[in-house]
Amino acid sequence: MTSSQVNPNRDPDDPVVAWGYDGLGAPQHWGSLSDEYATCSEGKQQSPIDIGMCRQVEDASIAFSYTVAATEVRSDGIFFHIDFPPGNALTIGHRIYQLHTAHFHVPSEHRRNGRSYAAELHLVHQDAAGNLAVVGQWFALGAPSALVRAVLEVVEVGFTPADGLALDAGSFLPDQPGYYRYDGSRTTPPCDEPVEWYVMRHPKTISADQVDNLLELSGGPNNRPVQPLGGRSVVLGVQTA
């Protein structure tokens, strides 16, 4: 678990509280845990959101080129992070973002017309200037996920991919085109803005047992509640192979 910084206005007799998903460190308190986390409560472009009616259709497309396997799976006490070396690209128009890491939220963070999904995978990309683009992939209850099965196998052997257990980056690709795009933030402290979000329209499937396994690894639900959309637009886009 990542510890918070001390708020100088905090009562010195109060204990330092680390951010998390329940108790005094729960999402509704993040903004008051540390000055560095103020954006969590004061930001105007916070994520996740409930995706409803889209205001326009986007002509630009996004393209994935994932070819390099993950090199490490590590835990920070809340998430297990799947880290990738350079070589996996997300192209948005003329901009190229490299895939850095991936992690799961259970249940989903983004909703669609009020509906929550069983899980959500976040694929975190960064360009050469440090700008972030995150792809969100929903998982609905159904058939077991081969991707989740492979990830759980790696976690069980100690968070480091072993021979024969390397995680193929291509298995993280969305199955079908189409996405929702909006301007948002990180969904964990310090809740930095802006982050360019692409939430894939078509869910993959995951079994109930796999959901239970992910919850066990995270110590319980690890999803931030949806945030106000405000005046932001959500646009519907297309994706190329």
C-alpha atoms as a PDB file:
ATOM      1  CA  MET A   1       0.000   0.000   0.000  1.00  0.00           C
ATOM      2  CA  THR A   2       1.282   3.456  -0.863  1.00  0.00           C
ATOM      3  CA  SER A   3       1.572   5.707   2.184  1.00  0.00           C
ATOM      4  CA  SER A   4       0.210   9.241   2.147  1.00  0.00           C
ATOM      5  CA  GLN A   5       2.207  12.354   2.863  1.00  0.00           C
ATOM      6  CA  VAL A   6       1.480  14.194   6.094  1.00  0.00           C
ATOM      7  CA  ASN A   7      -0.935  17.110   5.819  1.00  0.00           C
ATOM      8  CA  PRO A   8       0.609  20.063   7.726  1.00  0.00           C
ATOM      9  CA  ASN A   9      -2.877  21.103   8.877  1.00  0.00           C
ATOM     10  CA  ARG A  10      -3.514  17.703  10.395  1.00  0.00           C
ATOM     11  CA  ASP A  11      -3.928  17.377  14.160  1.00  0.00           C
ATOM     12  CA  PRO A  12      -0.554  15.996  15.336  1.00  0.00           C
ATOM     13  CA  ASP A  13      -2.393  13.609  17.625  1.00  0.00           C
ATOM     14  CA  ASP A  14      -4.159  11.987  14.649  1.00  0.00           C
ATOM     15  CA  PRO A  15      -2.452   8.978  13.039  1.00  0.00           C
ATOM     16  CA  VAL A  16      -1.101   9.193   9.495  1.00  0.00           C
ATOM     17  CA  VAL A  17      -3.572   7.461   7.197  1.00  0.00           C
ATOM     18  CA  ALA A  18      -2.579   5.684   3.979  1.00  0.00           C
ATOM     19  CA  TRP A  19      -4.921   5.782   1.013  1.00  0.00           C
ATOM     20  CA  GLY A  20      -6.895   2.710   0.157  1.00  0.00           C
ATOM     21  CA  TYR A  21     -10.472   1.640  -0.457  1.00  0.00           C
ATOM     22  CA  ASP A  22     -12.067   1.418   2.988  1.00  0.00           C
ATOM     23  CA  GLY A  23     -12.047   3.121   6.374  1.00  0.00           C
ATOM     24  CA  LEU A  24     -10.291   6.444   6.888  1.00  0.00           C
ATOM     25  CA  GLY A  25      -8.231   5.935   3.727  1.00  0.00           C
ATOM     26  CA  ALA A  26     -11.249   5.349   1.479  1.00  0.00           C
ATOM     27  CA  PRO A  27     -11.731   7.321  -1.769  1.00  0.00           C
ATOM     28  CA  GLN A  28     -14.036   9.928  -0.231  1.00  0.00           C
ATOM     29  CA  HIS A  29     -11.148  10.949   2.066  1.00  0.00           C
ATOM     30  CA  TRP A  30      -8.285  10.928  -0.435  1.00  0.00           C
ATOM     31  CA  GLY A  31      -8.271  14.673  -1.007  1.00  0.00           C
ATOM     32  CA  SER A  32      -7.779  15.407   2.705  1.00  0.00           C
ATOM     33  CA  LEU A  33      -5.061  12.832   3.405  1.00  0.00           C
ATOM     34  CA  SER A  34      -2.279  14.937   1.878  1.00  0.00           C
ATOM     35  CA  ASP A  35      -1.749  18.262   0.140  1.00  0.00           C
ATOM     36  CA  GLU A  36      -0.359  16.228  -2.763  1.00  0.00           C
ATOM     37  CA  TYR A  37      -3.750  14.529  -3.105  1.00  0.00           C
ATOM     38  CA  ALA A  38      -5.844  17.723  -3.187  1.00  0.00           C
ATOM     39  CA  THR A  39      -6.731  17.162  -6.854  1.00  0.00           C
ATOM     40  CA  CYS A  40      -8.677  14.050  -5.809  1.00  0.00           C
ATOM     41  CA  SER A  41     -11.310  16.361  -4.290  1.00  0.00           C
ATOM     42  CA  GLU A  42     -10.685  19.636  -6.141  1.00  0.00           C
ATOM     43  CA  GLY A  43     -10.086  18.421  -9.707  1.00  0.00           C
ATOM     44  CA  LYS A  44     -12.625  19.143 -12.443  1.00  0.00           C
ATOM     45  CA  GLN A  45     -11.703  16.256 -14.774  1.00  0.00           C
ATOM     46  CA  GLN A  46     -11.712  13.298 -12.413  1.00  0.00           C
ATOM     47  CA  SER A  47     -12.043   9.632 -13.336  1.00  0.00           C
ATOM     48  CA  PRO A  48     -13.772   7.227 -13.486  1.00  0.00           C
ATOM     49  CA  ILE A  49     -17.141   8.310 -14.879  1.00  0.00           C
ATOM     50  CA  ASP A  50     -20.494   6.798 -15.772  1.00  0.00           C
ATOM     51  CA  ILE A  51     -20.488   6.729 -19.580  1.00  0.00           C
ATOM     52  CA  GLY A  52     -23.878   7.670 -20.956  1.00  0.00           C
ATOM     53  CA  MET A  53     -24.935   9.422 -24.132  1.00  0.00           C
ATOM     54  CA  CYS A  54     -22.066  10.377 -26.417  1.00  0.00           C
ATOM     55  CA  ARG A  55     -22.139  13.896 -27.773  1.00  0.00           C
ATOM     56  CA  GLN A  56     -20.436  13.308 -31.112  1.00  0.00           C
ATOM     57  CA  VAL A  57     -18.699  10.762 -33.310  1.00  0.00           C
ATOM     58  CA  GLU A  58     -14.930  10.898 -33.558  1.00  0.00           C
ATOM     59  CA  ASP A  59     -13.325  10.388 -36.959  1.00  0.00           C
ATOM     60  CA  ALA A  60      -9.807   9.669 -35.742  1.00  0.00           C
ATOM     61  CA  SER A  61      -8.839   6.076 -35.046  1.00  0.00           C
ATOM     62  CA  ILE A  62      -6.465   4.411 -32.611  1.00  0.00           C
ATOM     63  CA  ALA A  63      -4.174   1.501 -33.433  1.00  0.00           C
ATOM     64  CA  PHE A  64      -2.446  -1.047 -31.203  1.00  0.00           C
ATOM     65  CA  SER A  65       0.899  -2.713 -31.896  1.00  0.00           C
ATOM     66  CA  TYR A  66       1.702  -5.013 -28.970  1.00  0.00           C
ATOM     67  CA  THR A  67       4.580  -7.415 -29.659  1.00  0.00           C
ATOM     68  CA  VAL A  68       6.880  -7.472 -26.596  1.00  0.00           C
ATOM     69  CA  ALA A  69       6.049  -9.716 -23.629  1.00  0.00           C
ATOM     70  CA  ALA A  70       5.752  -8.446 -20.058  1.00  0.00           C
ATOM     71  CA  THR A  71       8.967  -8.582 -18.048  1.00  0.00           C
ATOM     72  CA  GLU A  72       7.700  -8.309 -14.476  1.00  0.00           C
ATOM     73  CA  VAL A  73       4.613  -8.669 -12.331  1.00  0.00           C
ATOM     74  CA  ARG A  74       4.842  -6.883  -8.987  1.00  0.00           C
ATOM     75  CA  SER A  75       2.525  -6.095  -6.083  1.00  0.00           C
ATOM     76  CA  ASP A  76       2.242  -2.833  -4.132  1.00  0.00           C
ATOM     77  CA  GLY A  77      -0.238  -4.223  -1.609  1.00  0.00           C
ATOM     78  CA  ILE A  78      -3.298  -2.903  -3.445  1.00  0.00           C
ATOM     79  CA  PHE A  79      -2.641  -3.834  -7.076  1.00  0.00           C
ATOM     80  CA  PHE A  80      -0.428  -6.225  -8.926  1.00  0.00           C
ATOM     81  CA  HIS A  81       1.208  -4.385 -11.801  1.00  0.00           C
ATOM     82  CA  ILE A  82       2.171  -6.046 -15.082  1.00  0.00           C
ATOM     83  CA  ASP A  83       5.172  -4.124 -16.426  1.00  0.00           C
ATOM     84  CA  PHE A  84       6.232  -4.022 -20.080  1.00  0.00           C
ATOM     85  CA  PRO A  85       9.533  -3.020 -21.708  1.00  0.00           C
ATOM     86  CA  PRO A  86       9.524  -0.585 -24.656  1.00  0.00           C
ATOM     87  CA  GLY A  87       8.123  -1.883 -27.906  1.00  0.00           C
ATOM     88  CA  ASN A  88       4.347  -1.995 -27.401  1.00  0.00           C
ATOM     89  CA  ALA A  89       2.757   1.035 -29.034  1.00  0.00           C
ATOM     90  CA  LEU A  90      -0.612   2.758 -29.018  1.00  0.00           C
ATOM     91  CA  THR A  91      -0.914   5.178 -31.945  1.00  0.00           C
ATOM     92  CA  ILE A  92      -3.478   7.972 -31.744  1.00  0.00           C
ATOM     93  CA  GLY A  93      -3.424   9.993 -34.932  1.00  0.00           C
ATOM     94  CA  HIS A  94       0.233  11.001 -35.282  1.00  0.00           C
ATOM     95  CA  ARG A  95       1.035  10.501 -31.599  1.00  0.00           C
ATOM     96  CA  ILE A  96       2.741   7.354 -30.288  1.00  0.00           C
ATOM     97  CA  TYR A  97       2.398   6.129 -26.714  1.00  0.00           C
ATOM     98  CA  GLN A  98       4.362   3.246 -25.200  1.00  0.00           C
ATOM     99  CA  LEU A  99       2.618   0.674 -23.001  1.00  0.00           C
ATOM    100  CA  HIS A 100       4.232   0.825 -19.551  1.00  0.00           C
ATOM    101  CA  THR A 101       2.053  -1.198 -17.216  1.00  0.00           C
ATOM    102  CA  ALA A 102      -1.339  -2.846 -16.710  1.00  0.00           C
ATOM    103  CA  HIS A 103      -3.477  -3.604 -13.646  1.00  0.00           C
ATOM    104  CA  PHE A 104      -6.982  -4.764 -12.720  1.00  0.00           C
ATOM    105  CA  HIS A 105      -9.799  -3.122 -10.774  1.00  0.00           C
ATOM    106  CA  VAL A 106     -12.536  -5.297  -9.276  1.00  0.00           C
ATOM    107  CA  PRO A 107     -15.331  -4.429  -9.821  1.00  0.00           C
ATOM    108  CA  SER A 108     -15.054  -2.032 -12.747  1.00  0.00           C
ATOM    109  CA  GLU A 109     -14.387   1.657 -12.176  1.00  0.00           C
ATOM    110  CA  HIS A 110     -16.121   3.041 -15.254  1.00  0.00           C
ATOM    111  CA  ARG A 111     -19.833   2.366 -15.618  1.00  0.00           C
ATOM    112  CA  ARG A 112     -22.010   2.400 -18.717  1.00  0.00           C
ATOM    113  CA  ASN A 113     -25.482   3.861 -18.264  1.00  0.00           C
ATOM    114  CA  GLY A 114     -25.238   3.017 -14.575  1.00  0.00           C
ATOM    115  CA  ARG A 115     -24.056  -0.547 -15.149  1.00  0.00           C
ATOM    116  CA  SER A 116     -20.956  -1.828 -13.365  1.00  0.00           C
ATOM    117  CA  TYR A 117     -18.910  -4.694 -14.810  1.00  0.00           C
ATOM    118  CA  ALA A 118     -17.189  -7.512 -12.931  1.00  0.00           C
ATOM    119  CA  ALA A 119     -13.670  -6.170 -13.560  1.00  0.00           C
ATOM    120  CA  GLU A 120     -11.740  -3.573 -15.541  1.00  0.00           C
ATOM    121  CA  LEU A 121      -8.216  -3.753 -16.935  1.00  0.00           C
ATOM    122  CA  HIS A 122      -6.234  -0.526 -17.261  1.00  0.00           C
ATOM    123  CA  LEU A 123      -3.450  -0.362 -19.857  1.00  0.00           C
ATOM    124  CA  VAL A 124      -1.314   2.668 -19.005  1.00  0.00           C
ATOM    125  CA  HIS A 125       0.601   4.332 -21.865  1.00  0.00           C
ATOM    126  CA  GLN A 126       2.953   7.308 -21.932  1.00  0.00           C
ATOM    127  CA  ASP A 127       4.395   9.370 -24.771  1.00  0.00           C
ATOM    128  CA  ALA A 128       7.866  10.896 -25.001  1.00  0.00           C
ATOM    129  CA  ALA A 129       6.661  14.098 -23.316  1.00  0.00           C
ATOM    130  CA  GLY A 130       5.209  12.221 -20.355  1.00  0.00           C
ATOM    131  CA  ASN A 131       1.547  12.536 -21.362  1.00  0.00           C
ATOM    132  CA  LEU A 132      -0.661   9.649 -20.285  1.00  0.00           C
ATOM    133  CA  ALA A 133      -3.215   7.686 -22.297  1.00  0.00           C
ATOM    134  CA  VAL A 134      -5.050   4.876 -20.522  1.00  0.00           C
ATOM    135  CA  VAL A 135      -7.097   2.176 -22.217  1.00  0.00           C
ATOM    136  CA  GLY A 136      -9.848   0.659 -20.089  1.00  0.00           C
ATOM    137  CA  GLN A 137     -11.152  -2.828 -20.897  1.00  0.00           C
ATOM    138  CA  TRP A 138     -14.322  -4.054 -19.198  1.00  0.00           C
ATOM    139  CA  PHE A 139     -14.835  -7.712 -18.215  1.00  0.00           C
ATOM    140  CA  ALA A 140     -18.366  -9.093 -17.872  1.00  0.00           C
ATOM    141  CA  LEU A 141     -19.204 -12.306 -16.013  1.00  0.00           C
ATOM    142  CA  GLY A 142     -19.155 -15.264 -18.386  1.00  0.00           C
ATOM    143  CA  ALA A 143     -16.596 -17.673 -19.748  1.00  0.00           C
ATOM    144  CA  PRO A 144     -13.168 -17.765 -18.065  1.00  0.00           C
ATOM    145  CA  SER A 145     -10.587 -15.324 -19.435  1.00  0.00           C
ATOM    146  CA  ALA A 146      -7.428 -16.853 -20.885  1.00  0.00           C
ATOM    147  CA  LEU A 147      -5.630 -13.581 -20.167  1.00  0.00           C
ATOM    148  CA  VAL A 148      -6.655 -13.546 -16.490  1.00  0.00           C
ATOM    149  CA  ARG A 149      -5.727 -17.229 -16.209  1.00  0.00           C
ATOM    150  CA  ALA A 150      -2.222 -16.484 -17.539  1.00  0.00           C
ATOM    151  CA  VAL A 151      -1.814 -13.530 -15.181  1.00  0.00           C
ATOM    152  CA  LEU A 152      -2.926 -15.556 -12.162  1.00  0.00           C
ATOM    153  CA  GLU A 153      -0.436 -18.291 -13.050  1.00  0.00           C
ATOM    154  CA  VAL A 154       2.372 -15.752 -13.016  1.00  0.00           C
ATOM    155  CA  VAL A 155       1.239 -14.260  -9.705  1.00  0.00           C
ATOM    156  CA  GLU A 156       1.149 -17.710  -8.134  1.00  0.00           C
ATOM    157  CA  VAL A 157       4.841 -18.269  -8.935  1.00  0.00           C
ATOM    158  CA  GLY A 158       5.946 -15.126  -7.109  1.00  0.00           C
ATOM    159  CA  PHE A 159       5.124 -12.082  -9.269  1.00  0.00           C
ATOM    160  CA  THR A 160       7.949 -12.727 -11.757  1.00  0.00           C
ATOM    161  CA  PRO A 161       7.217 -14.319 -15.150  1.00  0.00           C
ATOM    162  CA  ALA A 162       9.089 -17.618 -15.350  1.00  0.00           C
ATOM    163  CA  ASP A 163      10.127 -19.684 -18.358  1.00  0.00           C
ATOM    164  CA  GLY A 164       6.987 -20.646 -20.227  1.00  0.00           C
ATOM    165  CA  LEU A 165       4.909 -18.101 -18.321  1.00  0.00           C
ATOM    166  CA  ALA A 166       5.885 -14.923 -20.133  1.00  0.00           C
ATOM    167  CA  LEU A 167       2.822 -12.773 -20.649  1.00  0.00           C
ATOM    168  CA  ASP A 168       2.234 -12.196 -24.347  1.00  0.00           C
ATOM    169  CA  ALA A 169       1.456  -8.525 -24.882  1.00  0.00           C
ATOM    170  CA  GLY A 170      -0.822  -9.419 -27.780  1.00  0.00           C
ATOM    171  CA  SER A 171      -3.215 -11.176 -25.394  1.00  0.00           C
ATOM    172  CA  PHE A 172      -3.974  -7.784 -23.820  1.00  0.00           C
ATOM    173  CA  LEU A 173      -5.388  -6.384 -27.063  1.00  0.00           C
ATOM    174  CA  PRO A 174      -9.114  -5.562 -27.258  1.00  0.00           C
ATOM    175  CA  ASP A 175     -11.154  -8.185 -29.110  1.00  0.00           C
ATOM    176  CA  GLN A 176     -13.355  -5.735 -31.023  1.00  0.00           C
ATOM    177  CA  PRO A 177     -13.052  -2.125 -32.235  1.00  0.00           C
ATOM    178  CA  GLY A 178     -14.858   0.868 -30.821  1.00  0.00           C
ATOM    179  CA  TYR A 179     -14.180   2.979 -27.771  1.00  0.00           C
ATOM    180  CA  TYR A 180     -15.374   5.894 -25.667  1.00  0.00           C
ATOM    181  CA  ARG A 181     -12.933   8.775 -25.305  1.00  0.00           C
ATOM    182  CA  TYR A 182     -12.884  11.560 -22.717  1.00  0.00           C
ATOM    183  CA  ASP A 183     -10.444  13.725 -20.750  1.00  0.00           C
ATOM    184  CA  GLY A 184      -9.973  12.513 -17.191  1.00  0.00           C
ATOM    185  CA  SER A 185      -7.450  11.720 -14.488  1.00  0.00           C
ATOM    186  CA  ARG A 186      -5.623   8.929 -12.740  1.00  0.00           C
ATOM    187  CA  THR A 187      -8.086   6.970 -10.624  1.00  0.00           C
ATOM    188  CA  THR A 188      -5.670   6.652  -7.678  1.00  0.00           C
ATOM    189  CA  PRO A 189      -3.879   9.348  -5.657  1.00  0.00           C
ATOM    190  CA  PRO A 190      -2.621  11.867  -6.523  1.00  0.00           C
ATOM    191  CA  CYS A 191      -5.443  11.805  -9.136  1.00  0.00           C
ATOM    192  CA  ASP A 192      -3.357  13.786 -11.658  1.00  0.00           C
ATOM    193  CA  GLU A 193      -5.061  15.562 -14.554  1.00  0.00           C
ATOM    194  CA  PRO A 194      -5.204  15.380 -17.501  1.00  0.00           C
ATOM    195  CA  VAL A 195      -5.229  11.764 -18.655  1.00  0.00           C
ATOM    196  CA  GLU A 196      -6.568  10.809 -22.087  1.00  0.00           C
ATOM    197  CA  TRP A 197      -9.020   7.922 -21.584  1.00  0.00           C
ATOM    198  CA  TYR A 198     -10.093   5.276 -24.103  1.00  0.00           C
ATOM    199  CA  VAL A 199     -12.641   2.846 -22.656  1.00  0.00           C
ATOM    200  CA  MET A 200     -13.294  -0.041 -25.036  1.00  0.00           C
ATOM    201  CA  ARG A 201     -16.978  -0.494 -25.877  1.00  0.00           C
ATOM    202  CA  HIS A 202     -17.037  -4.300 -26.015  1.00  0.00           C
ATOM    203  CA  PRO A 203     -16.365  -6.230 -22.781  1.00  0.00           C
ATOM    204  CA  LYS A 204     -14.296  -9.378 -22.559  1.00  0.00           C
ATOM    205  CA  THR A 205     -15.510 -12.146 -20.243  1.00  0.00           C
ATOM    206  CA  ILE A 206     -14.268 -13.388 -16.890  1.00  0.00           C
ATOM    207  CA  SER A 207     -15.495 -16.201 -14.639  1.00  0.00           C
ATOM    208  CA  ALA A 208     -16.815 -15.757 -11.097  1.00  0.00           C
ATOM    209  CA  ASP A 209     -13.894 -17.832  -9.751  1.00  0.00           C
ATOM    210  CA  GLN A 210     -11.407 -15.542 -11.506  1.00  0.00           C
ATOM    211  CA  VAL A 211     -13.118 -12.497 -10.025  1.00  0.00           C
ATOM    212  CA  ASP A 212     -12.799 -14.077  -6.562  1.00  0.00           C
ATOM    213  CA  ASN A 213      -9.098 -14.711  -7.201  1.00  0.00           C
ATOM    214  CA  LEU A 214      -8.504 -11.092  -8.204  1.00  0.00           C
ATOM    215  CA  LEU A 215     -10.390  -9.866  -5.126  1.00  0.00           C
ATOM    216  CA  GLU A 216      -8.271 -12.102  -2.909  1.00  0.00           C
ATOM    217  CA  LEU A 217      -5.070 -10.688  -4.386  1.00  0.00           C
ATOM    218  CA  SER A 218      -6.232  -7.085  -3.910  1.00  0.00           C
ATOM    219  CA  GLY A 219      -7.635  -7.655  -0.424  1.00  0.00           C
ATOM    220  CA  GLY A 220     -11.143  -6.713  -1.532  1.00  0.00           C
ATOM    221  CA  PRO A 221     -12.739  -4.284  -3.995  1.00  0.00           C
ATOM    222  CA  ASN A 222     -10.321  -1.685  -5.391  1.00  0.00           C
ATOM    223  CA  ASN A 223     -12.530   0.565  -7.508  1.00  0.00           C
ATOM    224  CA  ARG A 224     -12.957   4.313  -7.080  1.00  0.00           C
ATOM    225  CA  PRO A 225     -16.596   5.510  -7.293  1.00  0.00           C
ATOM    226  CA  VAL A 226     -17.632   7.397 -10.426  1.00  0.00           C
ATOM    227  CA  GLN A 227     -16.940  11.134 -10.479  1.00  0.00           C
ATOM    228  CA  PRO A 228     -19.041  14.039 -11.833  1.00  0.00           C
ATOM    229  CA  LEU A 229     -18.806  14.467 -15.602  1.00  0.00           C
ATOM    230  CA  GLY A 230     -19.282  18.237 -15.397  1.00  0.00           C
ATOM    231  CA  GLY A 231     -19.074  19.897 -18.787  1.00  0.00           C
ATOM    232  CA  ARG A 232     -16.903  17.219 -20.375  1.00  0.00           C
ATOM    233  CA  SER A 233     -17.809  15.470 -23.608  1.00  0.00           C
ATOM    234  CA  VAL A 234     -17.630  11.722 -24.154  1.00  0.00           C
ATOM    235  CA  VAL A 235     -17.098  10.854 -27.787  1.00  0.00           C
ATOM    236  CA  LEU A 236     -17.562   7.606 -29.662  1.00  0.00           C
ATOM    237  CA  GLY A 237     -14.572   6.507 -31.724  1.00  0.00           C
ATOM    238  CA  VAL A 238     -13.340   3.734 -33.954  1.00  0.00           C
ATOM    239  CA  GLN A 239     -10.231   1.600 -33.704  1.00  0.00           C
ATOM    240  CA  THR A 240      -8.010   0.074 -36.372  1.00  0.00           C
ATOM    241  CA  ALA A 241      -6.203  -3.213 -36.039  1.00  0.00           C
END
